[in-house]
Amino acid sequence: MDANTLYLELLKRSLTDTLHGREPDPEAGMQRYMLDFIRHYVPERAITMLPRARLDHLQACVEDVLERGVPGDLLEAGVWRGGAVALMRGVLAVHGVTDRVVWGADSFEGLPEPDAARFPREAAAHDGPVLRDALQNLAVGVDKVRANIARFGLLDAQVQLLPGWFGESLPRAPLQRLAVLRVDCDFYQSTRDVLESLYDKVSPGGHVIIDDYAEDEWTHCRQAVDEFRAERGITEPLRAVDGRCYAWQRTES
């Protein structure tokens, strides 16, 4: 492997805290998986919960738009501790790209409270023992996220964080074009807010990644995406990244 490949491999292992062990295995059975999940991610050594398959896919999407010259910046909505933002900045760094920005949008206050009548699965998860008690509803402050990215030497002017609830922050965000849009905001309304605010900024040839598309046990994310695609007449096929994360590549103007 060349030096760039080795660097990105080391970066991904560091972000996932898998330098000395393995990530939780969703095929190990739900009880085993949830126990391993909490033990692995509640301590602050890992700054992303994305499985390696999703990190590898994200890297491939960024490198694809760079190779083909698809115009636009890179954005993740729902950054948690900042790991995916750091990876995208690392990919730009190894390719010597200085004219694109990595945006990280998040409330930095945790997940919003869902409408229990419309979205009962989300309401139960929001007030449940994993999200509420173990993960504090994914609340990580913006200063902590900046510090996490800075630990890897990747916090500079090409990383911009957008604090606020998506329905308020994204419509006024100073974004022109996006080449990669990664949506990792768990719940129906947040997913809709991101797509409605940002999809039109995705360049033809750009990638749209929906992290929670098939998390049907606890979110209504699939409903949000399917409704948006139907309303907009989006026909590009959704392709599985792994069993839960799906993506499509925008082809129309």
Protein backbone atom coordinates (compact mmCIF):
# COMPACT_ATOMS: atom_id res chain seq x y z
CA MET A 1 0.00 0.00 0.00
CA ASP A 2 1.15 3.53 -0.69
CA ALA A 3 1.50 6.17 2.01
CA ASN A 4 -1.91 7.77 1.35
CA THR A 5 -3.70 4.44 1.60
CA LEU A 6 -1.87 3.60 4.81
CA TYR A 7 -2.73 6.98 6.30
CA LEU A 8 -6.43 6.68 5.54
CA GLU A 9 -6.50 3.13 6.88
CA LEU A 10 -4.86 4.29 10.11
CA LEU A 11 -7.26 7.24 10.29
CA LYS A 12 -10.32 5.00 9.96
CA ARG A 13 -9.04 2.59 12.60
CA SER A 14 -8.36 5.48 14.94
CA LEU A 15 -11.75 7.10 14.38
CA THR A 16 -13.52 3.80 15.08
CA ASP A 17 -11.24 2.79 17.97
CA THR A 18 -10.42 -0.48 16.24
CA LEU A 19 -6.63 -0.27 16.37
CA HIS A 20 -6.59 -2.91 19.11
CA GLY A 21 -9.91 -4.67 18.64
CA ARG A 22 -12.93 -5.19 16.45
CA GLU A 23 -16.08 -3.16 16.02
CA PRO A 24 -19.35 -4.57 17.41
CA ASP A 25 -20.77 -7.30 15.19
CA PRO A 26 -24.49 -6.85 14.34
CA GLU A 27 -24.62 -10.52 13.33
CA ALA A 28 -23.74 -11.67 16.85
CA GLY A 29 -27.35 -11.44 18.05
CA MET A 30 -29.17 -8.38 19.37
CA GLN A 31 -28.30 -8.75 23.07
CA ARG A 32 -24.62 -9.41 22.39
CA TYR A 33 -24.48 -6.63 19.83
CA MET A 34 -26.13 -4.02 22.07
CA LEU A 35 -23.86 -4.87 24.99
CA ASP A 36 -20.76 -4.63 22.79
CA PHE A 37 -22.12 -1.46 21.17
CA ILE A 38 -22.51 0.34 24.48
CA ARG A 39 -19.15 -0.86 25.80
CA HIS A 40 -17.41 0.27 22.62
CA TYR A 41 -19.04 3.63 21.90
CA VAL A 42 -19.98 5.13 25.26
CA PRO A 43 -16.29 5.69 26.16
CA GLU A 44 -14.94 8.60 24.11
CA ARG A 45 -12.12 6.79 22.33
CA ALA A 46 -14.26 6.22 19.21
CA ILE A 47 -15.45 9.41 17.56
CA THR A 48 -17.67 7.70 15.01
CA MET A 49 -20.21 4.90 15.27
CA LEU A 50 -20.06 4.22 11.54
CA PRO A 51 -19.09 0.65 10.69
CA ARG A 52 -16.04 0.28 8.50
CA ALA A 53 -18.22 -0.57 5.49
CA ARG A 54 -19.82 2.88 5.73
CA LEU A 55 -16.51 4.67 6.21
CA ASP A 56 -15.03 2.84 3.23
CA HIS A 57 -18.09 3.78 1.17
CA LEU A 58 -17.85 7.43 2.24
CA GLN A 59 -14.19 7.52 1.26
CA ALA A 60 -15.04 5.96 -2.11
CA CYS A 61 -17.78 8.57 -2.73
CA VAL A 62 -15.43 11.46 -1.97
CA GLU A 63 -12.69 10.02 -4.17
CA ASP A 64 -15.21 9.40 -6.95
CA VAL A 65 -16.38 13.02 -7.09
CA LEU A 66 -12.77 14.21 -6.97
CA GLU A 67 -11.76 11.94 -9.82
CA ARG A 68 -14.72 12.92 -11.99
CA GLY A 69 -14.61 16.61 -11.10
CA VAL A 70 -18.14 16.73 -9.71
CA PRO A 71 -18.45 20.28 -8.32
CA GLY A 72 -19.35 21.02 -4.74
CA ASP A 73 -18.47 20.68 -1.09
CA LEU A 74 -19.03 17.73 1.25
CA LEU A 75 -21.60 17.76 4.05
CA GLU A 76 -22.71 15.47 6.84
CA ALA A 77 -25.94 16.25 8.68
CA GLY A 78 -25.77 14.64 12.11
CA VAL A 79 -22.08 14.51 13.05
CA TRP A 80 -22.14 13.11 16.62
CA ARG A 81 -18.46 13.29 17.70
CA GLY A 82 -17.21 14.38 14.27
CA GLY A 83 -15.60 11.21 12.90
CA ALA A 84 -17.05 11.25 9.39
CA VAL A 85 -16.24 14.95 9.02
CA ALA A 86 -12.64 14.18 9.99
CA LEU A 87 -12.46 11.34 7.47
CA MET A 88 -13.75 13.51 4.61
CA ARG A 89 -11.22 16.21 5.51
CA GLY A 90 -8.50 13.56 5.60
CA VAL A 91 -9.43 12.35 2.11
CA LEU A 92 -9.23 15.91 0.79
CA ALA A 93 -5.85 16.31 2.48
CA VAL A 94 -4.24 13.23 0.94
CA HIS A 95 -5.44 14.29 -2.51
CA GLY A 96 -4.16 17.84 -2.07
CA VAL A 97 -7.61 19.39 -2.49
CA THR A 98 -7.78 22.95 -1.19
CA ASP A 99 -10.90 24.31 -2.90
CA ARG A 100 -13.61 22.23 -1.18
CA VAL A 101 -15.09 22.55 2.29
CA VAL A 102 -16.33 19.80 4.62
CA TRP A 103 -19.47 20.95 6.41
CA GLY A 104 -20.80 19.37 9.59
CA ALA A 105 -24.39 20.24 10.48
CA ASP A 106 -25.82 19.29 13.85
CA SER A 107 -27.88 20.72 16.68
CA PHE A 108 -24.93 19.86 18.96
CA GLU A 109 -27.69 19.48 21.57
CA GLY A 110 -28.81 15.94 20.75
CA LEU A 111 -31.82 14.59 18.91
CA PRO A 112 -35.08 16.55 18.79
CA GLU A 113 -38.08 15.11 20.55
CA PRO A 114 -40.28 13.35 17.96
CA ASP A 115 -44.05 13.65 17.64
CA ALA A 116 -45.14 10.51 19.49
CA ALA A 117 -48.48 10.32 17.71
CA ARG A 118 -46.93 10.40 14.23
CA PHE A 119 -43.67 8.63 14.97
CA PRO A 120 -44.13 6.20 17.87
CA ARG A 121 -40.99 4.18 17.20
CA GLU A 122 -38.86 7.29 17.33
CA ALA A 123 -40.52 8.54 20.49
CA ALA A 124 -39.89 5.22 22.21
CA ALA A 125 -36.24 5.23 21.12
CA HIS A 126 -35.77 8.87 22.14
CA ASP A 127 -36.90 8.08 25.69
CA GLY A 128 -35.36 4.62 25.84
CA PRO A 129 -32.34 3.24 27.70
CA VAL A 130 -29.88 3.27 24.78
CA LEU A 131 -30.41 6.71 23.23
CA ARG A 132 -31.46 8.57 26.37
CA ASP A 133 -29.44 6.89 29.11
CA ALA A 134 -26.35 5.43 27.43
CA LEU A 135 -25.83 7.94 24.62
CA GLN A 136 -27.50 11.06 26.04
CA ASN A 137 -29.56 11.35 22.86
CA LEU A 138 -26.31 11.80 20.90
CA ALA A 139 -25.64 15.25 22.37
CA VAL A 140 -22.04 16.35 21.80
CA GLY A 141 -21.21 20.04 22.05
CA VAL A 142 -19.69 21.92 19.14
CA ASP A 143 -16.49 22.69 21.05
CA LYS A 144 -16.00 18.99 21.78
CA VAL A 145 -16.50 18.13 18.10
CA ARG A 146 -13.95 20.75 17.07
CA ALA A 147 -11.50 19.35 19.62
CA ASN A 148 -12.01 15.81 18.32
CA ILE A 149 -11.26 16.84 14.74
CA ALA A 150 -8.29 18.92 15.88
CA ARG A 151 -6.78 15.84 17.59
CA PHE A 152 -6.13 14.44 14.12
CA GLY A 153 -4.66 17.69 12.79
CA LEU A 154 -7.66 18.13 10.50
CA LEU A 155 -9.38 21.23 11.87
CA ASP A 156 -8.76 24.17 9.57
CA ALA A 157 -10.64 26.58 7.32
CA GLN A 158 -11.80 23.66 5.14
CA VAL A 159 -13.93 22.36 8.04
CA GLN A 160 -17.03 24.39 8.86
CA LEU A 161 -19.56 23.41 11.51
CA LEU A 162 -23.20 24.53 11.28
CA PRO A 163 -24.92 24.54 14.69
CA GLY A 164 -28.70 24.52 14.97
CA TRP A 165 -31.84 22.53 14.26
CA PHE A 166 -31.85 21.58 10.60
CA GLY A 167 -35.12 23.28 9.74
CA GLU A 168 -33.61 26.57 10.90
CA SER A 169 -29.88 26.32 10.15
CA LEU A 170 -29.78 24.70 6.72
CA PRO A 171 -32.05 27.04 4.71
CA ARG A 172 -29.73 29.95 5.57
CA ALA A 173 -26.43 28.05 5.39
CA PRO A 174 -23.87 29.61 3.00
CA LEU A 175 -23.75 26.58 0.71
CA GLN A 176 -23.64 26.73 -3.08
CA ARG A 177 -23.09 23.20 -4.39
CA LEU A 178 -22.61 19.79 -2.78
CA ALA A 179 -20.84 16.79 -4.26
CA VAL A 180 -21.52 14.49 -1.29
CA LEU A 181 -24.50 14.78 1.07
CA ARG A 182 -24.45 12.38 4.00
CA VAL A 183 -27.67 12.30 6.01
CA ASP A 184 -27.25 10.75 9.46
CA CYS A 185 -29.94 12.43 11.54
CA ASP A 186 -31.95 9.38 12.59
CA PHE A 187 -35.52 10.70 12.71
CA TYR A 188 -38.21 11.42 10.12
CA GLN A 189 -38.50 15.20 10.47
CA SER A 190 -34.77 15.82 10.60
CA THR A 191 -34.26 13.70 7.49
CA ARG A 192 -36.99 15.58 5.63
CA ASP A 193 -35.56 18.93 6.71
CA VAL A 194 -32.13 18.02 5.36
CA LEU A 195 -33.40 16.71 2.02
CA GLU A 196 -35.76 19.62 1.48
CA SER A 197 -33.06 22.18 2.25
CA LEU A 198 -30.07 20.61 0.51
CA TYR A 199 -31.05 18.12 -2.20
CA ASP A 200 -31.32 20.78 -4.88
CA LYS A 201 -27.71 21.78 -4.14
CA VAL A 202 -26.39 18.27 -4.93
CA SER A 203 -24.60 18.35 -8.27
CA PRO A 204 -25.40 15.81 -10.99
CA GLY A 205 -23.01 12.95 -10.34
CA GLY A 206 -23.01 13.66 -6.62
CA HIS A 207 -23.79 11.12 -3.92
CA VAL A 208 -26.63 11.12 -1.37
CA ILE A 209 -26.10 8.76 1.58
CA ILE A 210 -28.88 7.92 4.05
CA ASP A 211 -27.28 6.33 7.08
CA ASP A 212 -30.46 5.23 8.86
CA TYR A 213 -32.62 4.28 5.86
CA ALA A 214 -33.29 0.70 6.97
CA GLU A 215 -33.28 1.21 10.74
CA ASP A 216 -36.95 0.29 10.74
CA GLU A 217 -37.03 -0.99 14.32
CA TRP A 218 -36.65 2.48 15.83
CA THR A 219 -36.92 5.22 13.17
CA HIS A 220 -39.26 6.40 10.43
CA CYS A 221 -36.30 7.45 8.28
CA ARG A 222 -37.27 5.15 5.40
CA GLN A 223 -40.70 6.80 5.24
CA ALA A 224 -39.15 10.26 5.07
CA VAL A 225 -36.81 9.28 2.23
CA ASP A 226 -39.39 7.32 0.24
CA GLU A 227 -41.90 10.16 0.48
CA PHE A 228 -39.34 12.75 -0.58
CA ARG A 229 -38.15 10.67 -3.53
CA ALA A 230 -41.72 10.03 -4.67
CA GLU A 231 -42.70 13.69 -4.38
CA ARG A 232 -39.64 14.77 -6.34
CA GLY A 233 -39.81 11.99 -8.93
CA ILE A 234 -36.36 10.70 -8.02
CA THR A 235 -35.81 7.41 -9.83
CA GLU A 236 -32.11 6.74 -9.30
CA PRO A 237 -31.88 3.36 -7.55
CA LEU A 238 -31.19 3.16 -3.83
CA ARG A 239 -28.23 0.85 -3.31
CA ALA A 240 -27.31 -0.84 -0.04
CA VAL A 241 -24.03 0.16 1.57
CA ASP A 242 -24.67 -2.46 4.25
CA GLY A 243 -27.82 -3.84 5.80
CA ARG A 244 -29.01 -0.47 7.16
CA CYS A 245 -27.32 2.32 5.18
CA TYR A 246 -28.39 3.11 1.60
CA ALA A 247 -27.32 5.63 -1.02
CA TRP A 248 -28.01 6.89 -4.50
CA GLN A 249 -26.11 8.92 -7.08
CA ARG A 250 -27.86 11.92 -8.54
CA THR A 251 -27.89 11.82 -12.34
CA GLU A 252 -30.50 14.38 -13.40
CA SER A 253 -29.80 18.09 -13.70
